[in-house]
Amino acid sequence: MPLTIIGDVHGKYERYYRIIRKAEVHPYTVQLGDFGFKYNTLTNLDPNHHKIIGGNHDNYDRIIDIPHYLGDFGYSCLNGIDFFYYRGAYSIDRQYRTIGIDYWSNEENNIETFMKARELYREIKPDIVLAHDCPDFMVPHYIGPHARRYENITGWALGELYKIHQPKLFIHGHYHISKTTMYGDTKFICLDELETYTINS
């Protein structure tokens, strides 16, 4: 049975729901963050089948109470597929957004949370990582080598995890392009908005 990974939603809830409705194709899903700021779409979806990871376009006043939300980081199993997950990203457009409406200052995990995640990651050494963002060294693959890069704790943290252990598969969103890149022993898959990728057990 497959596990479907879904890219950023950005409030396009009907398109997301059209994916979920194909239960025979997508019986279990993990959405990679930037779901949007409203979660009514999830009300009638089984949280044991459909999960979401927090991004930098999510309502952190509400998402923590949604049963579909995985949390800051962790190691989970869905439909027989084990994966490590890590939330958050840095908003480069934060100066144009409003706190509590479309921006939350805790959009990234803090250093204390990262240190706890690092210990778990070191212990389990996962084959699959699902995150909203990617390690900082991968960013030029998506925005080009000469584009401006913004140093941030999430990219740095994911890079530090990679130094500990290279997973076989690392799937993320955030950059709104569809691209697969081999780096070291890891296949990095960047999903475009509402793009899907199937992992088979």
N, C-alpha and C. Protein backbone atom coordinates (compact mmCIF):
# COMPACT_ATOMS: atom_id res chain seq x y z
N MET A 1 0.85 -1.20 0.00
CA MET A 1 0.00 0.00 0.00
C MET A 1 0.88 1.25 0.00
N PRO A 2 0.48 2.28 -0.73
CA PRO A 2 1.34 3.45 -0.88
C PRO A 2 1.12 4.50 0.20
N LEU A 3 2.10 5.38 0.31
CA LEU A 3 1.99 6.61 1.09
C LEU A 3 2.24 7.76 0.13
N THR A 4 1.28 8.66 0.02
CA THR A 4 1.38 9.79 -0.90
C THR A 4 1.87 11.03 -0.17
N ILE A 5 2.88 11.67 -0.71
CA ILE A 5 3.41 12.92 -0.17
C ILE A 5 2.88 14.05 -1.04
N ILE A 6 2.38 15.12 -0.42
CA ILE A 6 1.74 16.21 -1.15
C ILE A 6 2.48 17.52 -0.86
N GLY A 7 2.75 18.28 -1.91
CA GLY A 7 3.45 19.55 -1.78
C GLY A 7 2.59 20.65 -1.17
N ASP A 8 3.13 21.86 -1.15
CA ASP A 8 2.45 23.02 -0.55
C ASP A 8 1.03 23.18 -1.10
N VAL A 9 0.12 23.59 -0.24
CA VAL A 9 -1.28 23.80 -0.63
C VAL A 9 -1.58 25.29 -0.83
N HIS A 10 -1.09 26.13 0.07
CA HIS A 10 -1.29 27.58 -0.02
C HIS A 10 -2.76 27.97 -0.16
N GLY A 11 -3.61 27.32 0.60
CA GLY A 11 -5.01 27.69 0.62
C GLY A 11 -5.83 27.17 -0.53
N LYS A 12 -5.25 26.40 -1.42
CA LYS A 12 -6.01 25.81 -2.53
C LYS A 12 -6.64 24.50 -2.03
N TYR A 13 -7.58 24.66 -1.12
CA TYR A 13 -8.13 23.52 -0.38
C TYR A 13 -8.93 22.58 -1.26
N GLU A 14 -9.64 23.09 -2.24
CA GLU A 14 -10.44 22.22 -3.11
C GLU A 14 -9.53 21.31 -3.93
N ARG A 15 -8.42 21.84 -4.40
CA ARG A 15 -7.48 21.01 -5.16
C ARG A 15 -6.86 19.94 -4.26
N TYR A 16 -6.56 20.32 -3.03
CA TYR A 16 -6.05 19.34 -2.07
C TYR A 16 -7.09 18.25 -1.82
N TYR A 17 -8.33 18.65 -1.65
CA TYR A 17 -9.38 17.70 -1.35
C TYR A 17 -9.64 16.75 -2.52
N ARG A 18 -9.46 17.25 -3.73
CA ARG A 18 -9.62 16.38 -4.90
C ARG A 18 -8.59 15.25 -4.89
N ILE A 19 -7.41 15.55 -4.40
CA ILE A 19 -6.38 14.50 -4.28
C ILE A 19 -6.80 13.49 -3.23
N ILE A 20 -7.20 13.97 -2.07
CA ILE A 20 -7.56 13.11 -0.96
C ILE A 20 -8.75 12.22 -1.29
N ARG A 21 -9.70 12.74 -2.07
CA ARG A 21 -10.92 11.98 -2.39
C ARG A 21 -10.63 10.72 -3.18
N LYS A 22 -9.49 10.67 -3.86
CA LYS A 22 -9.14 9.46 -4.61
C LYS A 22 -8.53 8.45 -3.64
N ALA A 23 -9.38 7.95 -2.76
CA ALA A 23 -8.90 7.10 -1.66
C ALA A 23 -8.22 5.83 -2.15
N GLU A 24 -8.64 5.33 -3.29
CA GLU A 24 -8.02 4.10 -3.79
C GLU A 24 -6.60 4.35 -4.29
N VAL A 25 -6.29 5.61 -4.63
CA VAL A 25 -4.95 5.98 -5.11
C VAL A 25 -4.11 6.57 -3.98
N HIS A 26 -4.76 7.35 -3.13
CA HIS A 26 -4.05 8.05 -2.05
C HIS A 26 -4.69 7.73 -0.69
N PRO A 27 -4.61 6.48 -0.26
CA PRO A 27 -5.28 6.11 1.00
C PRO A 27 -4.62 6.73 2.23
N TYR A 28 -3.32 6.99 2.15
CA TYR A 28 -2.57 7.61 3.24
C TYR A 28 -1.73 8.74 2.66
N THR A 29 -1.73 9.90 3.33
CA THR A 29 -1.00 11.04 2.80
C THR A 29 -0.28 11.81 3.91
N VAL A 30 0.80 12.46 3.52
CA VAL A 30 1.47 13.46 4.37
C VAL A 30 1.64 14.71 3.52
N GLN A 31 1.09 15.81 3.98
CA GLN A 31 1.22 17.10 3.29
C GLN A 31 2.38 17.86 3.93
N LEU A 32 3.25 18.44 3.11
CA LEU A 32 4.55 18.93 3.55
C LEU A 32 4.58 20.34 4.12
N GLY A 33 3.45 20.93 4.41
CA GLY A 33 3.47 22.26 5.01
C GLY A 33 3.02 23.34 4.06
N ASP A 34 2.88 24.58 4.60
CA ASP A 34 2.24 25.67 3.86
C ASP A 34 0.85 25.24 3.42
N PHE A 35 0.14 24.60 4.34
CA PHE A 35 -1.23 24.20 4.04
C PHE A 35 -2.11 25.42 3.84
N GLY A 36 -1.89 26.43 4.64
CA GLY A 36 -2.73 27.62 4.62
C GLY A 36 -3.08 27.98 6.05
N PHE A 37 -4.03 28.84 6.23
CA PHE A 37 -4.34 29.35 7.57
C PHE A 37 -5.70 28.87 8.09
N LYS A 38 -6.37 28.03 7.31
CA LYS A 38 -7.65 27.47 7.73
C LYS A 38 -7.58 25.96 7.57
N TYR A 39 -8.22 25.24 8.49
CA TYR A 39 -8.08 23.79 8.51
C TYR A 39 -9.42 23.06 8.46
N ASN A 40 -10.48 23.77 8.04
CA ASN A 40 -11.80 23.13 7.95
C ASN A 40 -11.81 21.98 6.96
N THR A 41 -10.96 22.07 5.94
CA THR A 41 -10.89 21.00 4.94
C THR A 41 -10.57 19.66 5.58
N LEU A 42 -9.87 19.68 6.69
CA LEU A 42 -9.42 18.45 7.33
C LEU A 42 -10.47 17.82 8.24
N THR A 43 -11.56 18.53 8.51
CA THR A 43 -12.52 18.11 9.53
C THR A 43 -13.03 16.69 9.31
N ASN A 44 -13.36 16.36 8.08
CA ASN A 44 -13.95 15.05 7.80
C ASN A 44 -12.94 14.03 7.29
N LEU A 45 -11.66 14.34 7.44
CA LEU A 45 -10.61 13.41 7.01
C LEU A 45 -10.05 12.67 8.22
N ASP A 46 -9.84 11.38 8.07
CA ASP A 46 -9.34 10.54 9.15
C ASP A 46 -7.89 10.93 9.48
N PRO A 47 -7.62 11.44 10.69
CA PRO A 47 -6.25 11.83 11.03
C PRO A 47 -5.29 10.66 11.15
N ASN A 48 -5.82 9.44 11.16
CA ASN A 48 -4.96 8.27 11.15
C ASN A 48 -4.48 7.93 9.74
N HIS A 49 -5.08 8.60 8.75
CA HIS A 49 -4.71 8.36 7.35
C HIS A 49 -4.05 9.58 6.70
N HIS A 50 -4.36 10.77 7.19
CA HIS A 50 -3.90 11.99 6.52
C HIS A 50 -3.25 12.92 7.53
N LYS A 51 -1.97 13.22 7.29
CA LYS A 51 -1.18 14.03 8.21
C LYS A 51 -0.65 15.28 7.50
N ILE A 52 -0.30 16.31 8.30
CA ILE A 52 0.32 17.50 7.75
C ILE A 52 1.52 17.90 8.61
N ILE A 53 2.52 18.47 7.93
CA ILE A 53 3.70 19.03 8.57
C ILE A 53 3.58 20.55 8.49
N GLY A 54 3.99 21.25 9.52
CA GLY A 54 3.92 22.70 9.51
C GLY A 54 4.97 23.33 8.61
N GLY A 55 4.58 24.39 7.89
CA GLY A 55 5.51 25.14 7.07
C GLY A 55 5.66 26.55 7.60
N ASN A 56 5.92 27.51 6.73
CA ASN A 56 6.00 28.91 7.14
C ASN A 56 4.78 29.71 6.71
N HIS A 57 3.81 29.04 6.09
CA HIS A 57 2.51 29.64 5.82
C HIS A 57 1.45 28.77 6.47
N ASP A 58 1.52 28.70 7.79
CA ASP A 58 0.56 27.96 8.58
C ASP A 58 0.22 28.76 9.82
N ASN A 59 -0.97 28.53 10.35
CA ASN A 59 -1.47 29.25 11.52
C ASN A 59 -1.06 28.50 12.78
N TYR A 60 -0.01 28.97 13.43
CA TYR A 60 0.52 28.24 14.59
C TYR A 60 -0.28 28.50 15.87
N ASP A 61 -1.31 29.32 15.79
CA ASP A 61 -2.26 29.41 16.89
C ASP A 61 -3.27 28.27 16.83
N ARG A 62 -3.48 27.73 15.65
CA ARG A 62 -4.52 26.71 15.46
C ARG A 62 -3.97 25.33 15.12
N ILE A 63 -2.89 25.28 14.37
CA ILE A 63 -2.46 23.99 13.82
C ILE A 63 -2.09 22.99 14.92
N ILE A 64 -1.64 23.50 16.06
CA ILE A 64 -1.23 22.59 17.13
C ILE A 64 -2.41 21.82 17.72
N ASP A 65 -3.63 22.28 17.46
CA ASP A 65 -4.82 21.60 17.96
C ASP A 65 -5.47 20.69 16.91
N ILE A 66 -4.89 20.62 15.74
CA ILE A 66 -5.44 19.79 14.67
C ILE A 66 -4.89 18.38 14.81
N PRO A 67 -5.73 17.36 14.89
CA PRO A 67 -5.22 15.99 15.10
C PRO A 67 -4.37 15.47 13.94
N HIS A 68 -4.48 16.11 12.79
CA HIS A 68 -3.70 15.69 11.63
C HIS A 68 -2.25 16.20 11.67
N TYR A 69 -2.00 17.16 12.56
CA TYR A 69 -0.69 17.81 12.63
C TYR A 69 0.32 16.91 13.33
N LEU A 70 1.48 16.72 12.72
CA LEU A 70 2.47 15.81 13.26
C LEU A 70 3.27 16.40 14.42
N GLY A 71 3.49 17.71 14.42
CA GLY A 71 4.25 18.32 15.51
C GLY A 71 5.55 18.92 15.02
N ASP A 72 6.41 19.32 15.98
CA ASP A 72 7.65 20.01 15.65
C ASP A 72 8.63 19.11 14.90
N PHE A 73 8.76 17.88 15.35
CA PHE A 73 9.65 16.89 14.74
C PHE A 73 9.26 15.54 15.30
N GLY A 74 9.79 14.48 14.71
CA GLY A 74 9.52 13.17 15.28
C GLY A 74 9.78 12.06 14.29
N TYR A 75 9.48 10.87 14.73
CA TYR A 75 9.62 9.66 13.91
C TYR A 75 8.27 8.98 13.93
N SER A 76 7.71 8.77 12.75
CA SER A 76 6.35 8.25 12.66
C SER A 76 6.28 7.13 11.64
N CYS A 77 5.17 6.42 11.69
CA CYS A 77 4.91 5.35 10.73
C CYS A 77 3.49 5.51 10.22
N LEU A 78 3.34 5.52 8.91
CA LEU A 78 2.02 5.61 8.30
C LEU A 78 1.94 4.58 7.18
N ASN A 79 0.95 3.71 7.29
CA ASN A 79 0.75 2.65 6.30
C ASN A 79 2.01 1.78 6.12
N GLY A 80 2.70 1.54 7.22
CA GLY A 80 3.87 0.66 7.18
C GLY A 80 5.15 1.33 6.74
N ILE A 81 5.13 2.63 6.51
CA ILE A 81 6.31 3.36 6.06
C ILE A 81 6.79 4.28 7.17
N ASP A 82 8.02 4.08 7.62
CA ASP A 82 8.61 4.87 8.68
C ASP A 82 9.28 6.11 8.10
N PHE A 83 9.16 7.25 8.80
CA PHE A 83 9.81 8.47 8.33
C PHE A 83 10.08 9.41 9.49
N PHE A 84 11.12 10.19 9.35
CA PHE A 84 11.43 11.28 10.27
C PHE A 84 10.87 12.56 9.67
N TYR A 85 10.31 13.44 10.50
CA TYR A 85 9.75 14.69 9.98
C TYR A 85 10.27 15.87 10.80
N TYR A 86 10.30 17.02 10.13
CA TYR A 86 10.79 18.25 10.76
C TYR A 86 10.05 19.42 10.13
N ARG A 87 9.49 20.28 10.96
CA ARG A 87 8.62 21.33 10.46
C ARG A 87 9.37 22.65 10.22
N GLY A 88 8.67 23.60 9.58
CA GLY A 88 9.08 25.00 9.56
C GLY A 88 9.96 25.42 8.41
N ALA A 89 10.05 26.75 8.27
CA ALA A 89 10.93 27.40 7.29
C ALA A 89 10.94 28.89 7.58
N TYR A 90 11.87 29.57 6.97
CA TYR A 90 12.03 31.02 7.14
C TYR A 90 11.26 31.75 6.05
N SER A 91 10.47 32.75 6.43
CA SER A 91 9.71 33.54 5.46
C SER A 91 10.54 34.74 5.01
N ILE A 92 10.96 34.74 3.76
CA ILE A 92 11.76 35.86 3.26
C ILE A 92 10.89 37.10 3.02
N ASP A 93 9.57 36.93 3.04
CA ASP A 93 8.66 38.06 2.82
C ASP A 93 7.99 38.50 4.11
N ARG A 94 8.58 38.21 5.24
CA ARG A 94 7.93 38.46 6.53
C ARG A 94 7.62 39.94 6.74
N GLN A 95 8.39 40.84 6.14
CA GLN A 95 8.14 42.27 6.34
C GLN A 95 6.84 42.73 5.68
N TYR A 96 6.30 41.91 4.78
CA TYR A 96 5.06 42.26 4.10
C TYR A 96 3.84 41.56 4.70
N ARG A 97 4.05 40.83 5.79
CA ARG A 97 2.99 40.06 6.39
C ARG A 97 2.66 40.58 7.78
N THR A 98 1.54 40.13 8.33
CA THR A 98 1.03 40.65 9.60
C THR A 98 1.01 39.54 10.64
N ILE A 99 1.62 39.81 11.80
CA ILE A 99 1.67 38.83 12.87
C ILE A 99 0.25 38.43 13.31
N GLY A 100 0.02 37.13 13.40
CA GLY A 100 -1.27 36.61 13.83
C GLY A 100 -2.31 36.50 12.74
N ILE A 101 -1.99 37.00 11.55
CA ILE A 101 -2.91 36.89 10.41
C ILE A 101 -2.30 36.02 9.32
N ASP A 102 -1.09 36.35 8.88
CA ASP A 102 -0.43 35.52 7.88
C ASP A 102 1.06 35.34 8.19
N TYR A 103 1.44 35.62 9.45
CA TYR A 103 2.82 35.38 9.87
C TYR A 103 2.84 35.05 11.36
N TRP A 104 3.64 34.04 11.71
CA TRP A 104 3.80 33.64 13.11
C TRP A 104 5.29 33.56 13.40
N SER A 105 5.71 34.19 14.49
CA SER A 105 7.13 34.29 14.81
C SER A 105 7.75 32.92 15.11
N ASN A 106 6.93 31.93 15.45
CA ASN A 106 7.43 30.59 15.72
C ASN A 106 7.29 29.68 14.51
N GLU A 107 7.40 30.28 13.31
CA GLU A 107 7.32 29.48 12.09
C GLU A 107 8.48 28.49 11.94
N GLU A 108 9.57 28.72 12.69
CA GLU A 108 10.70 27.79 12.69
C GLU A 108 10.87 27.19 14.09
N ASN A 109 11.38 25.98 14.14
CA ASN A 109 11.77 25.41 15.42
C ASN A 109 12.93 26.21 16.01
N ASN A 110 12.96 26.35 17.32
CA ASN A 110 14.07 27.04 17.95
C ASN A 110 15.24 26.08 18.19
N ILE A 111 16.33 26.59 18.72
CA ILE A 111 17.54 25.79 18.86
C ILE A 111 17.35 24.67 19.87
N GLU A 112 16.58 24.91 20.93
CA GLU A 112 16.35 23.86 21.92
C GLU A 112 15.59 22.69 21.31
N THR A 113 14.59 23.01 20.49
CA THR A 113 13.83 21.94 19.82
C THR A 113 14.72 21.19 18.84
N PHE A 114 15.55 21.92 18.11
CA PHE A 114 16.48 21.26 17.19
C PHE A 114 17.39 20.28 17.92
N MET A 115 17.89 20.67 19.07
CA MET A 115 18.80 19.78 19.80
C MET A 115 18.12 18.48 20.21
N LYS A 116 16.84 18.56 20.58
CA LYS A 116 16.08 17.35 20.88
C LYS A 116 15.88 16.51 19.61
N ALA A 117 15.59 17.19 18.50
CA ALA A 117 15.42 16.49 17.23
C ALA A 117 16.71 15.80 16.81
N ARG A 118 17.82 16.47 17.05
CA ARG A 118 19.12 15.91 16.68
C ARG A 118 19.40 14.61 17.41
N GLU A 119 19.05 14.57 18.69
CA GLU A 119 19.29 13.34 19.46
C GLU A 119 18.44 12.18 18.94
N LEU A 120 17.19 12.47 18.62
CA LEU A 120 16.33 11.42 18.06
C LEU A 120 16.84 10.97 16.70
N TYR A 121 17.22 11.93 15.88
CA TYR A 121 17.72 11.61 14.54
C TYR A 121 18.99 10.75 14.63
N ARG A 122 19.87 11.11 15.55
CA ARG A 122 21.11 10.35 15.72
C ARG A 122 20.83 8.91 16.15
N GLU A 123 19.78 8.76 16.95
CA GLU A 123 19.43 7.43 17.46
C GLU A 123 18.84 6.54 16.37
N ILE A 124 17.92 7.09 15.58
CA ILE A 124 17.18 6.23 14.64
C ILE A 124 17.81 6.15 13.26
N LYS A 125 18.56 7.19 12.84
CA LYS A 125 19.18 7.23 11.51
C LYS A 125 18.17 6.80 10.42
N PRO A 126 17.19 7.65 10.15
CA PRO A 126 16.08 7.26 9.26
C PRO A 126 16.48 7.12 7.80
N ASP A 127 15.77 6.27 7.09
CA ASP A 127 15.93 6.13 5.64
C ASP A 127 15.17 7.21 4.88
N ILE A 128 14.07 7.71 5.49
CA ILE A 128 13.20 8.69 4.82
C ILE A 128 13.03 9.91 5.73
N VAL A 129 13.23 11.10 5.16
CA VAL A 129 12.98 12.35 5.87
C VAL A 129 11.95 13.15 5.09
N LEU A 130 10.93 13.65 5.79
CA LEU A 130 9.93 14.53 5.20
C LEU A 130 9.99 15.86 5.94
N ALA A 131 10.09 16.96 5.21
CA ALA A 131 10.20 18.27 5.83
C ALA A 131 9.60 19.31 4.90
N HIS A 132 9.34 20.48 5.46
CA HIS A 132 8.88 21.57 4.59
C HIS A 132 10.06 22.16 3.84
N ASP A 133 11.17 22.39 4.51
CA ASP A 133 12.36 22.97 3.92
C ASP A 133 13.41 21.89 3.70
N CYS A 134 14.59 22.30 3.27
CA CYS A 134 15.66 21.36 2.97
C CYS A 134 16.96 21.85 3.64
N PRO A 135 18.00 21.03 3.66
CA PRO A 135 19.29 21.51 4.17
C PRO A 135 19.79 22.72 3.37
N ASP A 136 20.50 23.62 4.05
CA ASP A 136 20.92 24.86 3.40
C ASP A 136 21.78 24.65 2.17
N PHE A 137 22.57 23.57 2.14
CA PHE A 137 23.44 23.34 0.99
C PHE A 137 22.67 22.96 -0.28
N MET A 138 21.39 22.60 -0.13
CA MET A 138 20.58 22.25 -1.30
C MET A 138 19.90 23.46 -1.96
N VAL A 139 19.83 24.57 -1.25
CA VAL A 139 19.07 25.72 -1.74
C VAL A 139 19.52 26.20 -3.12
N PRO A 140 20.84 26.30 -3.41
CA PRO A 140 21.24 26.74 -4.76
C PRO A 140 20.72 25.87 -5.89
N HIS A 141 20.41 24.61 -5.60
CA HIS A 141 19.85 23.73 -6.63
C HIS A 141 18.46 24.19 -7.06
N TYR A 142 17.79 24.97 -6.21
CA TYR A 142 16.42 25.38 -6.48
C TYR A 142 16.30 26.85 -6.88
N ILE A 143 17.16 27.70 -6.34
CA ILE A 143 17.04 29.13 -6.64
C ILE A 143 18.16 29.64 -7.53
N GLY A 144 19.13 28.77 -7.84
CA GLY A 144 20.27 29.16 -8.66
C GLY A 144 21.46 29.56 -7.81
N PRO A 145 22.66 29.44 -8.35
CA PRO A 145 23.88 29.68 -7.55
C PRO A 145 24.13 31.14 -7.22
N HIS A 146 23.51 32.06 -7.94
CA HIS A 146 23.80 33.48 -7.74
C HIS A 146 22.67 34.24 -7.07
N ALA A 147 21.55 33.57 -6.80
CA ALA A 147 20.43 34.23 -6.13
C ALA A 147 20.77 34.47 -4.66
N ARG A 148 20.14 35.47 -4.09
CA ARG A 148 20.38 35.78 -2.68
C ARG A 148 19.87 34.65 -1.79
N ARG A 149 20.69 34.26 -0.83
CA ARG A 149 20.31 33.23 0.13
C ARG A 149 20.17 33.85 1.50
N TYR A 150 19.17 33.41 2.25
CA TYR A 150 18.90 33.92 3.58
C TYR A 150 19.28 32.88 4.61
N GLU A 151 20.25 33.18 5.43
CA GLU A 151 20.63 32.25 6.49
C GLU A 151 19.47 32.10 7.47
N ASN A 152 19.18 30.88 7.85
CA ASN A 152 18.07 30.64 8.76
C ASN A 152 18.30 29.35 9.54
N ILE A 153 17.63 29.24 10.67
CA ILE A 153 17.89 28.11 11.56
C ILE A 153 17.39 26.79 10.99
N THR A 154 16.33 26.82 10.17
CA THR A 154 15.79 25.56 9.65
C THR A 154 16.73 24.92 8.64
N GLY A 155 17.20 25.70 7.67
CA GLY A 155 18.14 25.18 6.69
C GLY A 155 19.42 24.68 7.35
N TRP A 156 19.89 25.46 8.32
CA TRP A 156 21.10 25.06 9.05
C TRP A 156 20.85 23.76 9.82
N ALA A 157 19.71 23.68 10.52
CA ALA A 157 19.40 22.51 11.33
C ALA A 157 19.32 21.24 10.48
N LEU A 158 18.64 21.34 9.34
CA LEU A 158 18.51 20.16 8.47
C LEU A 158 19.87 19.77 7.89
N GLY A 159 20.72 20.75 7.66
CA GLY A 159 22.08 20.45 7.21
C GLY A 159 22.88 19.73 8.28
N GLU A 160 22.68 20.14 9.54
CA GLU A 160 23.36 19.47 10.64
C GLU A 160 22.90 18.02 10.80
N LEU A 161 21.61 17.79 10.61
CA LEU A 161 21.11 16.41 10.67
C LEU A 161 21.73 15.57 9.56
N TYR A 162 21.86 16.15 8.39
CA TYR A 162 22.44 15.42 7.25
C TYR A 162 23.89 15.01 7.53
N LYS A 163 24.62 15.85 8.28
CA LYS A 163 26.00 15.51 8.62
C LYS A 163 26.06 14.26 9.50
N ILE A 164 25.04 14.06 10.29
CA ILE A 164 24.98 12.90 11.18
C ILE A 164 24.68 11.63 10.41
N HIS A 165 23.76 11.75 9.46
CA HIS A 165 23.31 10.56 8.71
C HIS A 165 22.66 10.99 7.40
N GLN A 166 23.03 10.35 6.31
CA GLN A 166 22.43 10.64 5.01
C GLN A 166 21.28 9.68 4.75
N PRO A 167 20.03 10.17 4.76
CA PRO A 167 18.91 9.28 4.46
C PRO A 167 18.91 8.87 2.99
N LYS A 168 18.19 7.84 2.69
CA LYS A 168 18.06 7.42 1.29
C LYS A 168 17.18 8.39 0.51
N LEU A 169 16.17 8.95 1.19
CA LEU A 169 15.18 9.78 0.53
C LEU A 169 14.84 10.98 1.42
N PHE A 170 14.87 12.18 0.82
CA PHE A 170 14.52 13.40 1.54
C PHE A 170 13.53 14.16 0.65
N ILE A 171 12.28 14.29 1.12
CA ILE A 171 11.24 14.94 0.33
C ILE A 171 10.81 16.22 1.04
N HIS A 172 10.71 17.31 0.28
CA HIS A 172 10.34 18.60 0.87
C HIS A 172 9.60 19.44 -0.16
N GLY A 173 9.07 20.57 0.29
CA GLY A 173 8.40 21.52 -0.58
C GLY A 173 9.10 22.85 -0.51
N HIS A 174 8.34 23.93 -0.31
CA HIS A 174 8.83 25.28 -0.01
C HIS A 174 9.32 26.08 -1.20
N TYR A 175 9.95 25.44 -2.20
CA TYR A 175 10.56 26.20 -3.30
C TYR A 175 9.72 26.25 -4.56
N HIS A 176 8.57 25.57 -4.54
CA HIS A 176 7.57 25.69 -5.60
C HIS A 176 8.11 25.29 -6.97
N ILE A 177 8.97 24.28 -6.97
CA ILE A 177 9.43 23.69 -8.22
C ILE A 177 9.43 22.17 -8.06
N SER A 178 9.45 21.49 -9.18
CA SER A 178 9.52 20.04 -9.18
C SER A 178 10.91 19.63 -9.63
N LYS A 179 11.67 19.03 -8.72
CA LYS A 179 13.05 18.69 -9.07
C LYS A 179 13.55 17.54 -8.21
N THR A 180 14.26 16.62 -8.85
CA THR A 180 14.89 15.50 -8.15
C THR A 180 16.40 15.62 -8.32
N THR A 181 17.13 15.53 -7.21
CA THR A 181 18.58 15.72 -7.22
C THR A 181 19.24 14.66 -6.36
N MET A 182 20.25 14.01 -6.88
CA MET A 182 21.07 13.12 -6.06
C MET A 182 22.20 13.93 -5.44
N TYR A 183 22.32 13.85 -4.14
CA TYR A 183 23.40 14.53 -3.43
C TYR A 183 23.96 13.53 -2.43
N GLY A 184 25.20 13.15 -2.61
CA GLY A 184 25.76 12.09 -1.78
C GLY A 184 24.96 10.82 -1.99
N ASP A 185 24.54 10.21 -0.90
CA ASP A 185 23.75 8.98 -0.98
C ASP A 185 22.25 9.24 -0.93
N THR A 186 21.86 10.51 -1.02
CA THR A 186 20.46 10.87 -0.80
C THR A 186 19.78 11.36 -2.08
N LYS A 187 18.57 10.84 -2.31
CA LYS A 187 17.73 11.39 -3.37
C LYS A 187 16.87 12.49 -2.76
N PHE A 188 17.11 13.74 -3.17
CA PHE A 188 16.30 14.86 -2.73
C PHE A 188 15.20 15.11 -3.75
N ILE A 189 13.97 15.16 -3.26
CA ILE A 189 12.83 15.43 -4.12
C ILE A 189 12.14 16.69 -3.62
N CYS A 190 12.14 17.72 -4.44
CA CYS A 190 11.42 18.96 -4.14
C CYS A 190 10.10 18.92 -4.89
N LEU A 191 9.00 19.02 -4.15
CA LEU A 191 7.68 18.95 -4.76
C LEU A 191 7.13 20.35 -5.01
N ASP A 192 6.56 20.54 -6.18
CA ASP A 192 5.89 21.79 -6.51
C ASP A 192 4.56 21.86 -5.75
N GLU A 193 3.90 22.97 -5.84
CA GLU A 193 2.61 23.16 -5.18
C GLU A 193 1.62 22.08 -5.59
N LEU A 194 1.11 21.35 -4.61
CA LEU A 194 0.12 20.29 -4.80
C LEU A 194 0.59 19.15 -5.70
N GLU A 195 1.87 19.06 -5.93
CA GLU A 195 2.44 17.90 -6.61
C GLU A 195 2.44 16.72 -5.65
N THR A 196 2.31 15.52 -6.17
CA THR A 196 2.31 14.33 -5.33
C THR A 196 3.47 13.41 -5.70
N TYR A 197 3.90 12.67 -4.69
CA TYR A 197 4.94 11.65 -4.88
C TYR A 197 4.55 10.45 -4.04
N THR A 198 4.62 9.27 -4.62
CA THR A 198 4.19 8.05 -3.94
C THR A 198 5.38 7.23 -3.47
N ILE A 199 5.36 6.90 -2.19
CA ILE A 199 6.33 5.96 -1.63
C ILE A 199 5.62 4.63 -1.44
N ASN A 200 6.20 3.58 -1.98
CA ASN A 200 5.59 2.26 -1.84
C ASN A 200 6.36 1.45 -0.80
N SER A 201 5.61 0.78 0.05
CA SER A 201 6.24 -0.03 1.12
C SER A 201 6.80 -1.32 0.55
